[in-house]
Amino acid sequence: MTSSRSLRLLLVANPGEVHVGAHLLAAARRLDIPVRLVDASRALSANRWINSFCYHLRGHRPFHLHRVSGQVRAEAESFQPTVLLATGMAAVEAEDLSAIGAMGVRTCNFLTDDPFNPFLASRWFTKALPEYSTVFNPRRANMDELRAAGCRDVRYLPFAYAPEVHFPEKPANPAEFESFVSDLYFVGAADRDRIDYMATLIREGFRLALYGPFWHRYLRTRSAARGIANAVTVRKGAAAAKIALCLVRRANRDGHCMRTFELPAMHTCMVVEDTEEHREIFGPDGECVVYFQTGEEMIAAVRRLVADNGARARLADACHRRICAGGNTYQDRLVEMLR
């Protein structure tokens, strides 16, 4: 990596504690890299009805996109970074990216979502993508599409974990433990392809804890919905669960996800959706995790592990060692991006 003294990083990201942007910001500070943040979440309106209007009727264009993009350009002019790093569909328009690149700034994007996902796709971002010097992509399924869209340099780079956020933390006392306890724990949105999995688990009698948006909207999953989780809730929920379920986001064509690395760092026994990337990360079935491809396989794996304390402990230990042995933190990813 170039000497940190010669680096100046402009980060365009959501700085919320469970978001990738916050993890990259913390990593830059640990590396003693001068860094300035533009909060990309400010492109959204404070009014959820306006956001809904923009999502459905303005082609997923954030209400304050132009204003925040202009702020990014102004920050680049004043801060004079050597690298701009945006996360996902951060609010930087093509014209401003082009102008920032003309200043001699290397412009990069860590593409947290699939821009061709029909639930997220937007013309403004498709237009902006080719203006990035490099796109770091944590999914292999859309690499050719990104190149076809005009991206000059596309590189595979997996998600990671943040040691200051993702670590084992038990509930403080028995009463708190009881409020978090579950057979099976999942953190993520209630995507439609996930509903059947969760409803089947509930019907089979497992005590399920679902953290994330929209689970309460569905009658079949409402009983297990536990709301949006902050970082402490995520850690304590993991500690009080017998098993954590790791699902990819199919609309994003993911081969792995953020939880792929976060759950092992929290020392959790995992039942994992079987993908090529997951097997590359965790090794063969039963070594660190148990895989499944169908709902029936998932139910069988959960039933077996819920009843086997020793197997759960062995898998959690092996998975924690494999991921936390080195090279899988967001600091490692930032070093790779800046190399």
Protein backbone atom coordinates (compact mmCIF):
# COMPACT_ATOMS: atom_id res chain seq x y z
CA MET A 1 0.00 0.00 0.00
CA THR A 2 1.11 3.55 -0.66
CA SER A 3 2.42 5.24 2.48
CA SER A 4 -0.49 6.42 4.62
CA ARG A 5 1.18 9.84 4.79
CA SER A 6 0.62 10.33 1.06
CA LEU A 7 -2.97 9.07 1.15
CA ARG A 8 -6.02 11.19 1.72
CA LEU A 9 -9.34 9.37 1.65
CA LEU A 10 -12.76 10.84 0.89
CA LEU A 11 -15.37 8.30 1.98
CA VAL A 12 -18.95 8.53 0.68
CA ALA A 13 -21.03 6.12 2.74
CA ASN A 14 -23.66 5.55 5.39
CA PRO A 15 -21.85 5.89 8.75
CA GLY A 16 -24.47 3.98 10.77
CA GLU A 17 -22.84 1.56 13.22
CA VAL A 18 -23.84 -1.64 11.38
CA HIS A 19 -23.05 -0.34 7.89
CA VAL A 20 -19.95 -1.01 5.80
CA GLY A 21 -19.22 2.72 5.68
CA ALA A 22 -18.75 2.89 9.45
CA HIS A 23 -16.39 -0.08 9.38
CA LEU A 24 -14.26 1.44 6.61
CA LEU A 25 -14.15 4.79 8.40
CA ALA A 26 -12.91 3.11 11.59
CA ALA A 27 -10.33 1.16 9.58
CA ALA A 28 -8.99 4.32 7.93
CA ARG A 29 -8.58 5.97 11.31
CA ARG A 30 -6.73 2.94 12.71
CA LEU A 31 -4.40 3.09 9.71
CA ASP A 32 -3.79 6.79 10.44
CA ILE A 33 -5.04 7.81 7.00
CA PRO A 34 -6.45 11.35 6.76
CA VAL A 35 -10.11 10.75 6.00
CA ARG A 36 -13.22 12.83 5.48
CA LEU A 37 -16.75 11.43 5.32
CA VAL A 38 -19.77 12.54 3.33
CA ASP A 39 -22.88 10.89 4.77
CA ALA A 40 -24.56 9.29 1.76
CA SER A 41 -27.74 8.57 3.74
CA ARG A 42 -28.53 12.30 3.66
CA ALA A 43 -29.55 11.86 0.04
CA LEU A 44 -32.79 10.42 1.41
CA SER A 45 -35.58 12.63 2.67
CA ALA A 46 -36.53 12.69 6.34
CA ASN A 47 -40.08 12.06 5.13
CA ARG A 48 -40.68 8.36 4.39
CA TRP A 49 -43.56 9.18 2.05
CA ILE A 50 -41.27 11.28 -0.12
CA ASN A 51 -38.75 8.42 -0.13
CA SER A 52 -41.50 6.04 -1.19
CA PHE A 53 -42.50 8.41 -3.99
CA CYS A 54 -38.91 8.64 -5.20
CA TYR A 55 -38.48 4.88 -5.06
CA HIS A 56 -41.61 4.03 -7.00
CA LEU A 57 -42.05 7.01 -9.32
CA ARG A 58 -38.60 8.57 -9.77
CA GLY A 59 -36.68 5.42 -10.71
CA HIS A 60 -35.10 4.91 -7.27
CA ARG A 61 -33.54 8.37 -7.45
CA PRO A 62 -32.94 9.74 -3.91
CA PHE A 63 -34.70 13.04 -3.23
CA HIS A 64 -31.51 14.93 -2.28
CA LEU A 65 -29.18 13.13 -4.72
CA HIS A 66 -28.05 16.25 -6.58
CA ARG A 67 -27.38 18.18 -3.37
CA VAL A 68 -25.30 15.44 -1.75
CA SER A 69 -23.42 14.76 -4.98
CA GLY A 70 -22.52 18.44 -5.15
CA GLN A 71 -21.31 18.25 -1.57
CA VAL A 72 -19.02 15.34 -2.49
CA ARG A 73 -17.53 17.40 -5.31
CA ALA A 74 -17.03 20.40 -3.02
CA GLU A 75 -15.33 18.20 -0.41
CA ALA A 76 -13.01 16.84 -3.08
CA GLU A 77 -12.04 20.37 -4.11
CA SER A 78 -11.33 21.46 -0.53
CA PHE A 79 -9.90 18.25 0.99
CA GLN A 80 -7.92 17.23 -2.12
CA PRO A 81 -8.08 13.47 -1.52
CA THR A 82 -5.95 10.98 -3.43
CA VAL A 83 -8.77 8.41 -3.30
CA LEU A 84 -12.55 8.67 -3.23
CA LEU A 85 -14.25 5.50 -1.96
CA ALA A 86 -18.02 5.16 -2.21
CA THR A 87 -20.01 2.24 -0.84
CA GLY A 88 -22.77 0.83 -3.01
CA MET A 89 -25.21 3.21 -4.62
CA ALA A 90 -23.78 6.20 -2.80
CA ALA A 91 -25.08 9.57 -3.95
CA VAL A 92 -22.47 10.69 -6.47
CA GLU A 93 -23.66 11.54 -9.97
CA ALA A 94 -21.70 10.84 -13.14
CA GLU A 95 -20.88 14.49 -13.83
CA ASP A 96 -19.41 15.02 -10.38
CA LEU A 97 -17.45 11.75 -10.51
CA SER A 98 -15.99 12.79 -13.85
CA ALA A 99 -14.99 16.18 -12.45
CA ILE A 100 -13.42 14.58 -9.36
CA GLY A 101 -11.50 12.14 -11.54
CA ALA A 102 -10.22 15.06 -13.60
CA MET A 103 -8.68 16.44 -10.37
CA GLY A 104 -6.39 13.39 -10.32
CA VAL A 105 -8.43 11.53 -7.68
CA ARG A 106 -8.74 7.77 -7.99
CA THR A 107 -12.47 7.06 -7.67
CA CYS A 108 -13.51 3.66 -6.30
CA ASN A 109 -16.74 1.93 -5.34
CA PHE A 110 -17.18 -1.03 -3.01
CA LEU A 111 -20.37 -2.32 -4.62
CA THR A 112 -22.37 -3.58 -1.63
CA ASP A 113 -25.48 -4.28 -3.76
CA ASP A 114 -26.07 -5.54 -7.27
CA PRO A 115 -26.90 -2.47 -9.40
CA PHE A 116 -28.83 -4.72 -11.80
CA ASN A 117 -31.15 -5.95 -9.05
CA PRO A 118 -34.59 -4.80 -10.33
CA PHE A 119 -35.55 -3.67 -6.83
CA LEU A 120 -32.57 -1.30 -6.72
CA ALA A 121 -31.63 -0.50 -10.32
CA SER A 122 -31.60 3.17 -11.29
CA ARG A 123 -30.57 5.08 -14.40
CA TRP A 124 -28.57 7.67 -12.49
CA PHE A 125 -26.35 5.02 -10.89
CA THR A 126 -25.96 3.00 -14.09
CA LYS A 127 -24.74 6.21 -15.71
CA ALA A 128 -22.33 6.90 -12.83
CA LEU A 129 -20.77 3.42 -12.65
CA PRO A 130 -18.38 3.77 -15.63
CA GLU A 131 -16.96 6.96 -14.13
CA TYR A 132 -15.37 5.01 -11.26
CA SER A 133 -11.70 4.17 -11.76
CA THR A 134 -12.20 0.81 -10.03
CA VAL A 135 -15.26 -1.14 -8.88
CA PHE A 136 -14.63 -3.62 -6.06
CA ASN A 137 -17.40 -6.19 -6.23
CA PRO A 138 -18.28 -8.80 -3.55
CA ARG A 139 -20.19 -10.98 -6.03
CA ARG A 140 -18.94 -12.87 -9.06
CA ALA A 141 -22.28 -13.33 -10.81
CA ASN A 142 -22.41 -9.84 -12.35
CA MET A 143 -18.76 -9.18 -13.20
CA ASP A 144 -19.31 -9.44 -16.95
CA GLU A 145 -22.37 -7.18 -16.77
CA LEU A 146 -20.36 -4.52 -14.97
CA ARG A 147 -17.70 -4.63 -17.66
CA ALA A 148 -20.38 -4.51 -20.36
CA ALA A 149 -21.84 -1.43 -18.62
CA GLY A 150 -18.51 0.36 -19.16
CA CYS A 151 -16.65 -0.24 -15.88
CA ARG A 152 -12.96 -0.14 -16.72
CA ASP A 153 -11.54 -2.08 -13.78
CA VAL A 154 -13.71 -4.59 -11.90
CA ARG A 155 -12.23 -6.70 -9.10
CA TYR A 156 -13.74 -9.31 -6.80
CA LEU A 157 -13.44 -8.38 -3.12
CA PRO A 158 -15.48 -10.17 -0.42
CA PHE A 159 -17.31 -8.64 2.49
CA ALA A 160 -15.57 -8.76 5.89
CA TYR A 161 -16.12 -8.13 9.61
CA ALA A 162 -15.26 -5.29 11.95
CA PRO A 163 -13.51 -6.50 15.14
CA GLU A 164 -14.73 -3.48 17.10
CA VAL A 165 -18.35 -4.39 16.28
CA HIS A 166 -18.46 -8.13 15.62
CA PHE A 167 -17.26 -9.97 18.71
CA PRO A 168 -18.90 -12.35 21.20
CA GLU A 169 -21.04 -10.57 23.81
CA LYS A 170 -23.30 -12.51 26.14
CA PRO A 171 -26.46 -11.01 27.63
CA ALA A 172 -25.72 -9.37 30.98
CA ASN A 173 -27.92 -11.57 33.19
CA PRO A 174 -30.40 -14.50 33.03
CA ALA A 175 -33.39 -12.21 32.49
CA GLU A 176 -31.70 -10.50 29.55
CA PHE A 177 -30.59 -13.86 28.18
CA GLU A 178 -34.21 -15.03 28.21
CA SER A 179 -35.23 -11.96 26.21
CA PHE A 180 -32.73 -12.89 23.47
CA VAL A 181 -32.78 -16.71 23.58
CA SER A 182 -33.67 -18.64 20.43
CA ASP A 183 -33.07 -21.92 18.64
CA LEU A 184 -32.39 -20.11 15.41
CA TYR A 185 -31.36 -16.51 14.77
CA PHE A 186 -31.38 -14.49 11.55
CA VAL A 187 -30.46 -10.89 10.78
CA GLY A 188 -31.66 -9.47 7.47
CA ALA A 189 -34.63 -8.13 5.56
CA ALA A 190 -37.80 -10.11 4.95
CA ASP A 191 -37.19 -10.76 1.26
CA ARG A 192 -40.02 -12.74 -0.30
CA ASP A 193 -37.84 -15.77 -1.05
CA ARG A 194 -36.97 -15.97 2.66
CA ILE A 195 -40.53 -16.04 3.97
CA ASP A 196 -41.18 -19.72 3.21
CA TYR A 197 -37.96 -20.77 4.95
CA MET A 198 -38.84 -18.89 8.13
CA ALA A 199 -42.50 -19.88 8.12
CA THR A 200 -41.50 -23.55 7.82
CA LEU A 201 -39.12 -23.25 10.77
CA ILE A 202 -41.82 -21.65 12.89
CA ARG A 203 -44.32 -24.32 11.87
CA GLU A 204 -41.82 -27.04 12.82
CA GLY A 205 -41.77 -25.63 16.35
CA PHE A 206 -38.36 -23.97 16.47
CA ARG A 207 -37.97 -20.81 18.52
CA LEU A 208 -37.00 -18.28 15.89
CA ALA A 209 -35.56 -14.77 16.32
CA LEU A 210 -35.84 -12.57 13.21
CA TYR A 211 -34.10 -9.19 13.28
CA GLY A 212 -34.51 -6.78 10.39
CA PRO A 213 -37.15 -4.87 8.43
CA PHE A 214 -40.59 -6.11 7.37
CA TRP A 215 -40.85 -9.46 9.18
CA HIS A 216 -43.79 -8.09 11.17
CA ARG A 217 -45.72 -7.44 7.95
CA TYR A 218 -46.20 -11.13 7.20
CA LEU A 219 -48.66 -13.17 9.22
CA ARG A 220 -46.52 -16.29 8.94
CA THR A 221 -43.40 -14.63 10.43
CA ARG A 222 -44.88 -11.96 12.69
CA SER A 223 -44.55 -14.09 15.84
CA ALA A 224 -40.77 -14.28 15.40
CA ALA A 225 -40.15 -10.64 14.42
CA ARG A 226 -37.91 -8.80 16.90
CA GLY A 227 -37.47 -5.48 15.11
CA ILE A 228 -34.42 -3.67 13.79
CA ALA A 229 -31.23 -4.61 15.62
CA ASN A 230 -28.40 -2.32 16.65
CA ALA A 231 -24.88 -3.66 17.08
CA VAL A 232 -25.35 -4.70 20.72
CA THR A 233 -28.60 -6.51 19.91
CA VAL A 234 -26.91 -8.34 17.04
CA ARG A 235 -24.13 -9.56 19.36
CA LYS A 236 -26.37 -10.57 22.25
CA GLY A 237 -28.88 -12.21 19.93
CA ALA A 238 -26.07 -14.29 18.43
CA ALA A 239 -24.77 -15.28 21.87
CA ALA A 240 -28.21 -16.41 23.04
CA ALA A 241 -29.00 -18.41 19.88
CA LYS A 242 -28.16 -22.07 19.39
CA ILE A 243 -27.74 -21.59 15.63
CA ALA A 244 -27.45 -18.67 13.21
CA LEU A 245 -28.90 -18.98 9.73
CA CYS A 246 -26.86 -17.43 6.90
CA LEU A 247 -28.82 -16.73 3.69
CA VAL A 248 -27.60 -14.93 0.60
CA ARG A 249 -29.72 -12.24 -1.04
CA ARG A 250 -30.90 -13.89 -4.23
CA ALA A 251 -32.14 -10.68 -5.86
CA ASN A 252 -28.54 -9.46 -5.52
CA ARG A 253 -27.17 -12.74 -6.94
CA ASP A 254 -24.91 -12.96 -3.90
CA GLY A 255 -22.62 -15.91 -3.34
CA HIS A 256 -22.02 -14.73 0.22
CA CYS A 257 -23.15 -11.80 2.36
CA MET A 258 -22.11 -9.53 5.22
CA ARG A 259 -23.25 -12.10 7.79
CA THR A 260 -20.90 -14.67 6.19
CA PHE A 261 -18.03 -12.99 8.06
CA GLU A 262 -19.83 -11.24 10.91
CA LEU A 263 -21.42 -14.37 12.43
CA PRO A 264 -18.16 -16.36 12.72
CA ALA A 265 -16.49 -13.35 14.37
CA MET A 266 -19.25 -13.47 17.01
CA HIS A 267 -18.48 -17.18 17.57
CA THR A 268 -21.76 -18.56 16.27
CA CYS A 269 -22.70 -22.03 15.02
CA MET A 270 -23.92 -21.55 11.44
CA VAL A 271 -26.27 -23.26 9.01
CA VAL A 272 -25.36 -21.74 5.64
CA GLU A 273 -26.94 -21.56 2.20
CA ASP A 274 -24.81 -23.71 -0.11
CA THR A 275 -22.99 -21.58 -2.70
CA GLU A 276 -19.66 -21.82 -4.47
CA GLU A 277 -18.35 -18.78 -2.61
CA HIS A 278 -19.47 -20.08 0.79
CA ARG A 279 -17.62 -23.35 0.15
CA GLU A 280 -14.55 -21.36 -0.90
CA ILE A 281 -14.73 -19.41 2.38
CA PHE A 282 -15.71 -22.20 4.82
CA GLY A 283 -14.46 -25.40 3.22
CA PRO A 284 -16.36 -28.69 2.92
CA ASP A 285 -19.65 -29.45 4.66
CA GLY A 286 -19.26 -30.10 8.38
CA GLU A 287 -15.76 -28.65 8.69
CA CYS A 288 -16.81 -25.17 9.85
CA VAL A 289 -20.47 -24.91 8.88
CA VAL A 290 -23.37 -27.08 7.75
CA TYR A 291 -24.73 -26.33 4.27
CA PHE A 292 -28.20 -26.67 2.83
CA GLN A 293 -29.73 -26.29 -0.62
CA THR A 294 -33.40 -27.02 0.07
CA GLY A 295 -35.86 -26.27 2.84
CA GLU A 296 -35.87 -29.94 3.79
CA GLU A 297 -32.09 -29.98 4.15
CA MET A 298 -32.24 -26.81 6.24
CA ILE A 299 -34.84 -28.30 8.61
CA ALA A 300 -32.81 -31.49 9.00
CA ALA A 301 -29.60 -29.60 9.74
CA VAL A 302 -31.28 -27.31 12.28
CA ARG A 303 -33.03 -30.21 14.01
CA ARG A 304 -29.79 -32.16 14.28
CA LEU A 305 -27.74 -29.25 15.62
CA VAL A 306 -30.33 -27.95 18.08
CA ALA A 307 -30.10 -31.35 19.80
CA ASP A 308 -26.29 -31.62 19.73
CA ASN A 309 -24.46 -29.21 22.04
CA GLY A 310 -21.05 -30.69 21.25
CA ALA A 311 -21.43 -30.36 17.49
CA ARG A 312 -22.53 -26.73 17.82
CA ALA A 313 -19.54 -25.86 20.00
CA ARG A 314 -17.12 -27.59 17.61
CA LEU A 315 -18.51 -25.83 14.55
CA ALA A 316 -18.56 -22.42 16.23
CA ASP A 317 -14.92 -22.84 17.31
CA ALA A 318 -13.78 -24.00 13.88
CA CYS A 319 -15.64 -21.24 12.06
CA HIS A 320 -14.32 -18.54 14.40
CA ARG A 321 -10.73 -19.75 13.93
CA ARG A 322 -11.05 -19.89 10.16
CA ILE A 323 -12.44 -16.37 9.69
CA CYS A 324 -10.57 -14.62 12.51
CA ALA A 325 -7.14 -16.11 11.81
CA GLY A 326 -6.36 -13.07 9.67
CA GLY A 327 -7.12 -11.30 6.44
CA ASN A 328 -10.89 -10.89 6.80
CA THR A 329 -11.41 -7.55 8.54
CA TYR A 330 -12.57 -4.34 6.88
CA GLN A 331 -9.13 -2.95 7.59
CA ASP A 332 -7.71 -5.76 5.44
CA ARG A 333 -10.22 -4.92 2.70
CA LEU A 334 -9.37 -1.21 2.84
CA VAL A 335 -5.66 -1.97 2.56
CA GLU A 336 -6.41 -4.14 -0.49
CA MET A 337 -8.46 -1.37 -2.11
CA LEU A 338 -5.75 1.21 -1.50
CA ARG A 339 -2.86 -1.06 -2.49
